[in-house]
Amino acid sequence: MSEATSSSFQNEGIVDRVVRVALGVAILSLMFVGPKTMWGLIGIVPILTGVIGFCPLYRVLGFSTCKGGDCSKTEA
């Protein structure tokens, strides 16, 4: 499999990942405090993308927040 088609490509930097996880936890907390709405489940998306380090929308737009050796491409 070529490097461009590898599904294990990271396109999020460390700061981006930390912000995503923190924001996701804050949104997810809406299920337990405040309005207690199911919309809080949307918080799972930034948590997952932050933990994995890959954002599908970034890939579609050709965007990356990686700086230097901040992210690595895993070759198959």
PDB file of N, CA and C in Angstrom:
ATOM      1  N   MET A   1       0.856  -1.164   0.000  1.00  0.00           N
ATOM      2  CA  MET A   1       0.000   0.000   0.000  1.00  0.00           C
ATOM      3  C   MET A   1       0.902   1.228   0.000  1.00  0.00           C
ATOM      4  N   SER A   2       0.607   2.209  -0.810  1.00  0.00           N
ATOM      5  CA  SER A   2       1.440   3.396  -0.889  1.00  0.00           C
ATOM      6  C   SER A   2       1.223   4.288   0.318  1.00  0.00           C
ATOM      7  N   GLU A   3       2.199   5.175   0.553  1.00  0.00           N
ATOM      8  CA  GLU A   3       2.130   6.061   1.713  1.00  0.00           C
ATOM      9  C   GLU A   3       0.934   7.002   1.630  1.00  0.00           C
ATOM     10  N   ALA A   4       0.569   7.456   0.427  1.00  0.00           N
ATOM     11  CA  ALA A   4      -0.541   8.394   0.256  1.00  0.00           C
ATOM     12  C   ALA A   4      -1.885   7.753   0.572  1.00  0.00           C
ATOM     13  N   THR A   5      -1.983   6.438   0.404  1.00  0.00           N
ATOM     14  CA  THR A   5      -3.263   5.773   0.648  1.00  0.00           C
ATOM     15  C   THR A   5      -3.309   5.081   1.998  1.00  0.00           C
ATOM     16  N   SER A   6      -2.276   5.264   2.797  1.00  0.00           N
ATOM     17  CA  SER A   6      -2.249   4.636   4.111  1.00  0.00           C
ATOM     18  C   SER A   6      -3.340   5.229   4.990  1.00  0.00           C
ATOM     19  N   SER A   7      -4.081   4.376   5.677  1.00  0.00           N
ATOM     20  CA  SER A   7      -5.171   4.855   6.525  1.00  0.00           C
ATOM     21  C   SER A   7      -4.676   5.266   7.909  1.00  0.00           C
ATOM     22  N   SER A   8      -3.395   5.048   8.205  1.00  0.00           N
ATOM     23  CA  SER A   8      -2.872   5.383   9.521  1.00  0.00           C
ATOM     24  C   SER A   8      -2.046   6.670   9.482  1.00  0.00           C
ATOM     25  N   PHE A   9      -2.452   7.618   8.680  1.00  0.00           N
ATOM     26  CA  PHE A   9      -1.767   8.898   8.532  1.00  0.00           C
ATOM     27  C   PHE A   9      -2.284   9.882   9.566  1.00  0.00           C
ATOM     28  N   GLN A  10      -1.393  10.455  10.346  1.00  0.00           N
ATOM     29  CA  GLN A  10      -1.802  11.436  11.342  1.00  0.00           C
ATOM     30  C   GLN A  10      -1.710  12.828  10.746  1.00  0.00           C
ATOM     31  N   ASN A  11      -2.733  13.636  10.959  1.00  0.00           N
ATOM     32  CA  ASN A  11      -2.721  14.995  10.430  1.00  0.00           C
ATOM     33  C   ASN A  11      -3.076  16.034  11.488  1.00  0.00           C
ATOM     34  N   GLU A  12      -2.953  15.662  12.755  1.00  0.00           N
ATOM     35  CA  GLU A  12      -3.223  16.577  13.860  1.00  0.00           C
ATOM     36  C   GLU A  12      -1.980  16.696  14.732  1.00  0.00           C
ATOM     37  N   GLY A  13      -1.637  17.928  15.076  1.00  0.00           N
ATOM     38  CA  GLY A  13      -0.526  18.178  15.977  1.00  0.00           C
ATOM     39  C   GLY A  13      -0.923  17.937  17.419  1.00  0.00           C
ATOM     40  N   ILE A  14       0.060  17.990  18.300  1.00  0.00           N
ATOM     41  CA  ILE A  14      -0.175  17.713  19.719  1.00  0.00           C
ATOM     42  C   ILE A  14      -1.177  18.695  20.327  1.00  0.00           C
ATOM     43  N   VAL A  15      -0.990  19.989  20.075  1.00  0.00           N
ATOM     44  CA  VAL A  15      -1.900  20.995  20.647  1.00  0.00           C
ATOM     45  C   VAL A  15      -3.321  20.780  20.124  1.00  0.00           C
ATOM     46  N   ASP A  16      -3.460  20.524  18.832  1.00  0.00           N
ATOM     47  CA  ASP A  16      -4.768  20.268  18.222  1.00  0.00           C
ATOM     48  C   ASP A  16      -5.441  19.076  18.896  1.00  0.00           C
ATOM     49  N   ARG A  17      -4.689  18.027  19.140  1.00  0.00           N
ATOM     50  CA  ARG A  17      -5.244  16.818  19.750  1.00  0.00           C
ATOM     51  C   ARG A  17      -5.714  17.074  21.182  1.00  0.00           C
ATOM     52  N   VAL A  18      -4.902  17.803  21.962  1.00  0.00           N
ATOM     53  CA  VAL A  18      -5.270  18.101  23.354  1.00  0.00           C
ATOM     54  C   VAL A  18      -6.526  18.966  23.394  1.00  0.00           C
ATOM     55  N   VAL A  19      -6.597  19.968  22.520  1.00  0.00           N
ATOM     56  CA  VAL A  19      -7.769  20.848  22.469  1.00  0.00           C
ATOM     57  C   VAL A  19      -9.017  20.054  22.077  1.00  0.00           C
ATOM     58  N   ARG A  20      -8.889  19.161  21.109  1.00  0.00           N
ATOM     59  CA  ARG A  20     -10.030  18.346  20.673  1.00  0.00           C
ATOM     60  C   ARG A  20     -10.560  17.472  21.808  1.00  0.00           C
ATOM     61  N   VAL A  21      -9.656  16.815  22.527  1.00  0.00           N
ATOM     62  CA  VAL A  21     -10.085  15.935  23.620  1.00  0.00           C
ATOM     63  C   VAL A  21     -10.754  16.755  24.717  1.00  0.00           C
ATOM     64  N   ALA A  22     -10.163  17.887  25.077  1.00  0.00           N
ATOM     65  CA  ALA A  22     -10.749  18.735  26.126  1.00  0.00           C
ATOM     66  C   ALA A  22     -12.121  19.254  25.700  1.00  0.00           C
ATOM     67  N   LEU A  23     -12.237  19.709  24.474  1.00  0.00           N
ATOM     68  CA  LEU A  23     -13.512  20.203  23.959  1.00  0.00           C
ATOM     69  C   LEU A  23     -14.539  19.069  23.900  1.00  0.00           C
ATOM     70  N   GLY A  24     -14.113  17.890  23.473  1.00  0.00           N
ATOM     71  CA  GLY A  24     -15.007  16.741  23.407  1.00  0.00           C
ATOM     72  C   GLY A  24     -15.543  16.344  24.771  1.00  0.00           C
ATOM     73  N   VAL A  25     -14.682  16.368  25.783  1.00  0.00           N
ATOM     74  CA  VAL A  25     -15.114  16.038  27.144  1.00  0.00           C
ATOM     75  C   VAL A  25     -16.109  17.088  27.636  1.00  0.00           C
ATOM     76  N   ALA A  26     -15.844  18.358  27.329  1.00  0.00           N
ATOM     77  CA  ALA A  26     -16.772  19.421  27.742  1.00  0.00           C
ATOM     78  C   ALA A  26     -18.136  19.242  27.083  1.00  0.00           C
ATOM     79  N   ILE A  27     -18.144  18.925  25.799  1.00  0.00           N
ATOM     80  CA  ILE A  27     -19.421  18.721  25.087  1.00  0.00           C
ATOM     81  C   ILE A  27     -20.124  17.470  25.605  1.00  0.00           C
ATOM     82  N   LEU A  28     -19.354  16.409  25.816  1.00  0.00           N
ATOM     83  CA  LEU A  28     -19.940  15.158  26.312  1.00  0.00           C
ATOM     84  C   LEU A  28     -20.546  15.347  27.705  1.00  0.00           C
ATOM     85  N   SER A  29     -19.994  16.249  28.483  1.00  0.00           N
ATOM     86  CA  SER A  29     -20.523  16.490  29.838  1.00  0.00           C
ATOM     87  C   SER A  29     -21.941  17.051  29.803  1.00  0.00           C
ATOM     88  N   LEU A  30     -22.379  17.582  28.653  1.00  0.00           N
ATOM     89  CA  LEU A  30     -23.744  18.091  28.531  1.00  0.00           C
ATOM     90  C   LEU A  30     -24.790  16.996  28.728  1.00  0.00           C
ATOM     91  N   MET A  31     -24.359  15.750  28.638  1.00  0.00           N
ATOM     92  CA  MET A  31     -25.292  14.642  28.872  1.00  0.00           C
ATOM     93  C   MET A  31     -25.561  14.447  30.355  1.00  0.00           C
ATOM     94  N   PHE A  32     -24.656  14.947  31.210  1.00  0.00           N
ATOM     95  CA  PHE A  32     -24.750  14.678  32.641  1.00  0.00           C
ATOM     96  C   PHE A  32     -25.027  15.914  33.486  1.00  0.00           C
ATOM     97  N   VAL A  33     -24.597  17.083  33.011  1.00  0.00           N
ATOM     98  CA  VAL A  33     -24.832  18.332  33.737  1.00  0.00           C
ATOM     99  C   VAL A  33     -25.414  19.357  32.770  1.00  0.00           C
ATOM    100  N   GLY A  34     -25.960  20.407  33.283  1.00  0.00           N
ATOM    101  CA  GLY A  34     -26.538  21.439  32.416  1.00  0.00           C
ATOM    102  C   GLY A  34     -27.826  20.961  31.790  1.00  0.00           C
ATOM    103  N   PRO A  35     -27.936  21.077  30.462  1.00  0.00           N
ATOM    104  CA  PRO A  35     -29.212  20.732  29.812  1.00  0.00           C
ATOM    105  C   PRO A  35     -29.521  19.232  29.764  1.00  0.00           C
ATOM    106  N   LYS A  36     -28.558  18.387  30.054  1.00  0.00           N
ATOM    107  CA  LYS A  36     -28.745  16.922  30.025  1.00  0.00           C
ATOM    108  C   LYS A  36     -29.411  16.464  28.735  1.00  0.00           C
ATOM    109  N   THR A  37     -28.793  16.823  27.630  1.00  0.00           N
ATOM    110  CA  THR A  37     -29.338  16.504  26.319  1.00  0.00           C
ATOM    111  C   THR A  37     -28.488  15.456  25.602  1.00  0.00           C
ATOM    112  N   MET A  38     -29.126  14.718  24.728  1.00  0.00           N
ATOM    113  CA  MET A  38     -28.416  13.701  23.943  1.00  0.00           C
ATOM    114  C   MET A  38     -27.443  14.326  22.938  1.00  0.00           C
ATOM    115  N   TRP A  39     -27.575  15.617  22.685  1.00  0.00           N
ATOM    116  CA  TRP A  39     -26.641  16.301  21.774  1.00  0.00           C
ATOM    117  C   TRP A  39     -25.214  16.229  22.310  1.00  0.00           C
ATOM    118  N   GLY A  40     -25.064  15.947  23.568  1.00  0.00           N
ATOM    119  CA  GLY A  40     -23.740  15.800  24.151  1.00  0.00           C
ATOM    120  C   GLY A  40     -22.935  14.673  23.540  1.00  0.00           C
ATOM    121  N   LEU A  41     -23.618  13.717  22.911  1.00  0.00           N
ATOM    122  CA  LEU A  41     -22.919  12.606  22.246  1.00  0.00           C
ATOM    123  C   LEU A  41     -22.033  13.089  21.105  1.00  0.00           C
ATOM    124  N   ILE A  42     -22.298  14.276  20.585  1.00  0.00           N
ATOM    125  CA  ILE A  42     -21.450  14.839  19.530  1.00  0.00           C
ATOM    126  C   ILE A  42     -20.018  14.980  20.037  1.00  0.00           C
ATOM    127  N   GLY A  43     -19.840  15.104  21.342  1.00  0.00           N
ATOM    128  CA  GLY A  43     -18.507  15.218  21.937  1.00  0.00           C
ATOM    129  C   GLY A  43     -17.627  14.012  21.692  1.00  0.00           C
ATOM    130  N   ILE A  44     -18.223  12.881  21.347  1.00  0.00           N
ATOM    131  CA  ILE A  44     -17.443  11.679  21.057  1.00  0.00           C
ATOM    132  C   ILE A  44     -16.564  11.883  19.824  1.00  0.00           C
ATOM    133  N   VAL A  45     -17.035  12.648  18.850  1.00  0.00           N
ATOM    134  CA  VAL A  45     -16.285  12.856  17.605  1.00  0.00           C
ATOM    135  C   VAL A  45     -14.937  13.542  17.862  1.00  0.00           C
ATOM    136  N   PRO A  46     -14.901  14.713  18.522  1.00  0.00           N
ATOM    137  CA  PRO A  46     -13.581  15.306  18.761  1.00  0.00           C
ATOM    138  C   PRO A  46     -12.702  14.477  19.699  1.00  0.00           C
ATOM    139  N   ILE A  47     -13.314  13.736  20.615  1.00  0.00           N
ATOM    140  CA  ILE A  47     -12.510  12.869  21.485  1.00  0.00           C
ATOM    141  C   ILE A  47     -11.817  11.803  20.644  1.00  0.00           C
ATOM    142  N   LEU A  48     -12.562  11.136  19.783  1.00  0.00           N
ATOM    143  CA  LEU A  48     -11.980  10.084  18.945  1.00  0.00           C
ATOM    144  C   LEU A  48     -10.918  10.613  17.994  1.00  0.00           C
ATOM    145  N   THR A  49     -11.204  11.737  17.328  1.00  0.00           N
ATOM    146  CA  THR A  49     -10.212  12.280  16.391  1.00  0.00           C
ATOM    147  C   THR A  49      -8.970  12.751  17.134  1.00  0.00           C
ATOM    148  N   GLY A  50      -9.146  13.268  18.348  1.00  0.00           N
ATOM    149  CA  GLY A  50      -7.998  13.696  19.136  1.00  0.00           C
ATOM    150  C   GLY A  50      -7.147  12.531  19.606  1.00  0.00           C
ATOM    151  N   VAL A  51      -7.786  11.463  20.024  1.00  0.00           N
ATOM    152  CA  VAL A  51      -7.052  10.282  20.491  1.00  0.00           C
ATOM    153  C   VAL A  51      -6.331   9.600  19.337  1.00  0.00           C
ATOM    154  N   ILE A  52      -7.008   9.477  18.196  1.00  0.00           N
ATOM    155  CA  ILE A  52      -6.424   8.807  17.036  1.00  0.00           C
ATOM    156  C   ILE A  52      -5.381   9.686  16.351  1.00  0.00           C
ATOM    157  N   GLY A  53      -5.615  11.000  16.333  1.00  0.00           N
ATOM    158  CA  GLY A  53      -4.682  11.916  15.669  1.00  0.00           C
ATOM    159  C   GLY A  53      -4.972  12.103  14.199  1.00  0.00           C
ATOM    160  N   PHE A  54      -6.152  11.693  13.767  1.00  0.00           N
ATOM    161  CA  PHE A  54      -6.526  11.793  12.353  1.00  0.00           C
ATOM    162  C   PHE A  54      -7.895  12.437  12.232  1.00  0.00           C
ATOM    163  N   CYS A  55      -7.985  13.468  11.387  1.00  0.00           N
ATOM    164  CA  CYS A  55      -9.257  14.127  11.127  1.00  0.00           C
ATOM    165  C   CYS A  55      -9.605  13.947   9.653  1.00  0.00           C
ATOM    166  N   PRO A  56     -10.696  13.241   9.342  1.00  0.00           N
ATOM    167  CA  PRO A  56     -11.078  13.036   7.945  1.00  0.00           C
ATOM    168  C   PRO A  56     -11.319  14.342   7.192  1.00  0.00           C
ATOM    169  N   LEU A  57     -11.885  15.344   7.862  1.00  0.00           N
ATOM    170  CA  LEU A  57     -12.134  16.624   7.202  1.00  0.00           C
ATOM    171  C   LEU A  57     -10.815  17.309   6.833  1.00  0.00           C
ATOM    172  N   TYR A  58      -9.819  17.223   7.694  1.00  0.00           N
ATOM    173  CA  TYR A  58      -8.504  17.781   7.381  1.00  0.00           C
ATOM    174  C   TYR A  58      -7.940  17.120   6.120  1.00  0.00           C
ATOM    175  N   ARG A  59      -8.131  15.816   6.020  1.00  0.00           N
ATOM    176  CA  ARG A  59      -7.601  15.094   4.855  1.00  0.00           C
ATOM    177  C   ARG A  59      -8.294  15.539   3.573  1.00  0.00           C
ATOM    178  N   VAL A  60      -9.619  15.690   3.628  1.00  0.00           N
ATOM    179  CA  VAL A  60     -10.373  16.135   2.446  1.00  0.00           C
ATOM    180  C   VAL A  60      -9.919  17.521   2.012  1.00  0.00           C
ATOM    181  N   LEU A  61      -9.674  18.403   2.988  1.00  0.00           N
ATOM    182  CA  LEU A  61      -9.263  19.771   2.684  1.00  0.00           C
ATOM    183  C   LEU A  61      -7.760  19.900   2.451  1.00  0.00           C
ATOM    184  N   GLY A  62      -7.002  18.816   2.654  1.00  0.00           N
ATOM    185  CA  GLY A  62      -5.562  18.854   2.471  1.00  0.00           C
ATOM    186  C   GLY A  62      -4.865  19.680   3.539  1.00  0.00           C
ATOM    187  N   PHE A  63      -5.396  19.671   4.744  1.00  0.00           N
ATOM    188  CA  PHE A  63      -4.915  20.497   5.845  1.00  0.00           C
ATOM    189  C   PHE A  63      -4.242  19.616   6.888  1.00  0.00           C
ATOM    190  N   SER A  64      -3.232  20.143   7.553  1.00  0.00           N
ATOM    191  CA  SER A  64      -2.570  19.417   8.624  1.00  0.00           C
ATOM    192  C   SER A  64      -2.039  20.400   9.655  1.00  0.00           C
ATOM    193  N   THR A  65      -2.129  20.047  10.927  1.00  0.00           N
ATOM    194  CA  THR A  65      -1.596  20.898  11.983  1.00  0.00           C
ATOM    195  C   THR A  65      -0.287  20.341  12.525  1.00  0.00           C
ATOM    196  N   CYS A  66       0.283  19.361  11.833  1.00  0.00           N
ATOM    197  CA  CYS A  66       1.560  18.793  12.246  1.00  0.00           C
ATOM    198  C   CYS A  66       2.690  19.760  11.923  1.00  0.00           C
ATOM    199  N   LYS A  67       3.603  19.886  12.851  1.00  0.00           N
ATOM    200  CA  LYS A  67       4.783  20.739  12.661  1.00  0.00           C
ATOM    201  C   LYS A  67       6.022  19.868  12.808  1.00  0.00           C
ATOM    202  N   GLY A  68       6.866  19.839  11.826  1.00  0.00           N
ATOM    203  CA  GLY A  68       8.140  19.103  11.903  1.00  0.00           C
ATOM    204  C   GLY A  68       7.943  17.648  12.237  1.00  0.00           C
ATOM    205  N   GLY A  69       8.589  17.169  13.296  1.00  0.00           N
ATOM    206  CA  GLY A  69       8.513  15.776  13.712  1.00  0.00           C
ATOM    207  C   GLY A  69       7.351  15.514  14.661  1.00  0.00           C
ATOM    208  N   ASP A  70       6.398  16.463  14.720  1.00  0.00           N
ATOM    209  CA  ASP A  70       5.261  16.358  15.628  1.00  0.00           C
ATOM    210  C   ASP A  70       4.386  15.149  15.318  1.00  0.00           C
ATOM    211  N   CYS A  71       4.230  14.825  14.059  1.00  0.00           N
ATOM    212  CA  CYS A  71       3.396  13.695  13.642  1.00  0.00           C
ATOM    213  C   CYS A  71       4.244  12.744  12.821  1.00  0.00           C
ATOM    214  N   SER A  72       3.804  11.510  12.780  1.00  0.00           N
ATOM    215  CA  SER A  72       4.559  10.531  12.004  1.00  0.00           C
ATOM    216  C   SER A  72       3.617   9.764  11.096  1.00  0.00           C
ATOM    217  N   LYS A  73       4.144   9.395   9.961  1.00  0.00           N
ATOM    218  CA  LYS A  73       3.390   8.556   9.039  1.00  0.00           C
ATOM    219  C   LYS A  73       3.824   7.108   9.300  1.00  0.00           C
ATOM    220  N   THR A  74       2.864   6.254   9.482  1.00  0.00           N
ATOM    221  CA  THR A  74       3.172   4.849   9.711  1.00  0.00           C
ATOM    222  C   THR A  74       3.144   4.147   8.372  1.00  0.00           C
ATOM    223  N   GLU A  75       4.284   3.592   7.997  1.00  0.00           N
ATOM    224  CA  GLU A  75       4.361   2.910   6.705  1.00  0.00           C
ATOM    225  C   GLU A  75       4.021   1.452   6.874  1.00  0.00           C
ATOM    226  N   ALA A  76       3.265   0.924   5.923  1.00  0.00           N
ATOM    227  CA  ALA A  76       2.866  -0.483   5.980  1.00  0.00           C
ATOM    228  C   ALA A  76       3.929  -1.350   5.359  1.00  0.00           C
TER     229      ALA A  76
END
